[in-house]
Amino acid sequence: GVKLLQEVEKVHQSILTPEAIKLLAILRRYFKPTRRSLLQLCQLQQACLDAGGLLEFNPQTSWIREDLTWQAASPAPGLRDCRLEITGPVDCKMVSNAFNSGVETYMADFE
């Protein structure tokens, strides 16, 4: 079963139905070993990076990087001009830099 730590608010009850909560419990049980294993790998990777290690490509996928005939599909038309988004504090310098950067979106962080 699932133990909810707080009551489901009225506005969410149509989404978090008893059936949906049962499904979440099943998914959690099914994926728990994989999730824990991946979290351990993340911790090991982070420890390596903290010790000065560098990110590396997975050696098992080297064949695709070495195959000069392999190409990815062209991006969809809406993604051809996909510039980055900048998120930053609300101060004059950051806002000025954002407007002059060429990005299509600037998200101001008022926190």
Protein backbone atom coordinates (compact mmCIF):
# COMPACT_ATOMS: atom_id res chain seq x y z
CA GLY A 1 0.00 0.00 0.00
CA VAL A 2 0.81 3.65 0.01
CA LYS A 3 0.86 5.90 3.03
CA LEU A 4 0.03 9.49 2.15
CA LEU A 5 1.74 11.95 4.45
CA GLN A 6 -0.99 14.53 4.04
CA GLU A 7 -4.54 14.62 2.84
CA VAL A 8 -5.13 14.98 -0.90
CA GLU A 9 -6.52 18.45 -1.54
CA LYS A 10 -9.96 18.67 -3.10
CA VAL A 11 -8.61 20.08 -6.39
CA HIS A 12 -6.30 17.06 -6.78
CA GLN A 13 -8.78 14.32 -5.89
CA SER A 14 -9.85 13.87 -9.51
CA ILE A 15 -6.23 13.03 -10.39
CA LEU A 16 -5.05 11.21 -7.27
CA THR A 17 -7.89 8.73 -7.18
CA PRO A 18 -7.53 5.53 -5.14
CA GLU A 19 -6.84 3.68 -8.41
CA ALA A 20 -4.11 6.15 -9.36
CA ILE A 21 -2.51 5.81 -5.93
CA LYS A 22 -2.56 2.00 -6.29
CA LEU A 23 -0.85 2.36 -9.67
CA LEU A 24 1.83 4.59 -8.10
CA ALA A 25 2.42 1.92 -5.45
CA ILE A 26 2.81 -0.77 -8.12
CA LEU A 27 5.20 1.39 -10.14
CA ARG A 28 7.25 2.23 -7.05
CA ARG A 29 7.59 -1.44 -6.08
CA TYR A 30 8.45 -2.47 -9.64
CA PHE A 31 11.06 0.23 -10.26
CA LYS A 32 12.50 0.47 -6.72
CA PRO A 33 15.55 -1.76 -7.37
CA THR A 34 16.38 0.04 -10.63
CA ARG A 35 15.87 3.43 -9.01
CA ARG A 36 18.16 2.58 -6.09
CA SER A 37 20.82 1.22 -8.42
CA LEU A 38 20.71 4.37 -10.55
CA LEU A 39 20.89 6.58 -7.46
CA GLN A 40 23.98 4.67 -6.28
CA LEU A 41 25.59 5.13 -9.70
CA CYS A 42 24.82 8.85 -9.52
CA GLN A 43 26.45 9.07 -6.09
CA LEU A 44 29.56 7.25 -7.35
CA GLN A 45 29.74 9.52 -10.40
CA GLN A 46 29.35 12.61 -8.21
CA ALA A 47 32.12 11.40 -5.87
CA CYS A 48 34.37 10.91 -8.90
CA LEU A 49 33.57 14.43 -10.16
CA ASP A 50 34.10 15.90 -6.68
CA ALA A 51 37.55 14.25 -6.64
CA GLY A 52 38.46 16.03 -9.88
CA GLY A 53 37.37 13.36 -12.35
CA LEU A 54 35.89 14.27 -15.71
CA LEU A 55 32.72 13.20 -17.46
CA GLU A 56 33.32 10.57 -20.12
CA PHE A 57 31.27 8.93 -22.84
CA ASN A 58 29.99 5.43 -22.17
CA PRO A 59 32.52 3.05 -23.81
CA GLN A 60 29.67 0.71 -24.80
CA THR A 61 28.39 3.34 -27.22
CA SER A 62 31.73 4.16 -28.84
CA TRP A 63 30.70 2.37 -32.04
CA ILE A 64 28.12 5.01 -32.86
CA ARG A 65 30.53 7.89 -32.26
CA GLU A 66 33.15 6.21 -34.45
CA ASP A 67 30.75 5.44 -37.32
CA LEU A 68 31.15 8.42 -39.66
CA THR A 69 28.15 7.34 -41.76
CA TRP A 70 25.71 7.65 -38.88
CA GLN A 71 23.62 10.82 -38.77
CA ALA A 72 20.69 11.89 -36.67
CA ALA A 73 17.46 13.01 -38.30
CA SER A 74 17.06 16.70 -39.01
CA PRO A 75 15.29 18.62 -36.27
CA ALA A 76 11.62 19.46 -36.61
CA PRO A 77 10.94 22.90 -38.13
CA GLY A 78 9.98 24.38 -34.77
CA LEU A 79 13.31 23.31 -33.26
CA ARG A 80 15.65 24.53 -35.99
CA ASP A 81 16.12 27.89 -34.28
CA CYS A 82 16.27 26.68 -30.72
CA ARG A 83 18.33 29.13 -28.71
CA LEU A 84 18.98 28.79 -25.03
CA GLU A 85 16.98 30.12 -22.15
CA ILE A 86 18.69 32.19 -19.48
CA THR A 87 17.56 32.23 -15.89
CA GLY A 88 18.97 34.81 -13.55
CA PRO A 89 18.44 37.35 -10.83
CA VAL A 90 16.47 40.51 -11.34
CA ASP A 91 19.21 43.11 -11.53
CA CYS A 92 20.09 45.60 -14.25
CA LYS A 93 23.27 43.82 -15.37
CA MET A 94 21.67 40.39 -15.71
CA VAL A 95 18.58 41.68 -17.49
CA SER A 96 20.77 43.70 -19.89
CA ASN A 97 22.95 40.64 -20.57
CA ALA A 98 19.86 38.52 -21.18
CA PHE A 99 18.38 40.98 -23.68
CA ASN A 100 21.70 41.20 -25.56
CA SER A 101 22.41 37.45 -25.55
CA GLY A 102 20.20 36.38 -28.44
CA VAL A 103 18.13 33.97 -26.38
CA GLU A 104 14.46 33.72 -27.14
CA THR A 105 13.45 33.40 -23.49
CA TYR A 106 14.65 35.04 -20.30
CA MET A 107 13.22 33.85 -17.02
CA ALA A 108 13.73 36.27 -14.14
CA ASP A 109 14.30 34.73 -10.72
CA PHE A 110 12.57 36.94 -8.15
CA GLU A 111 13.58 34.67 -5.25
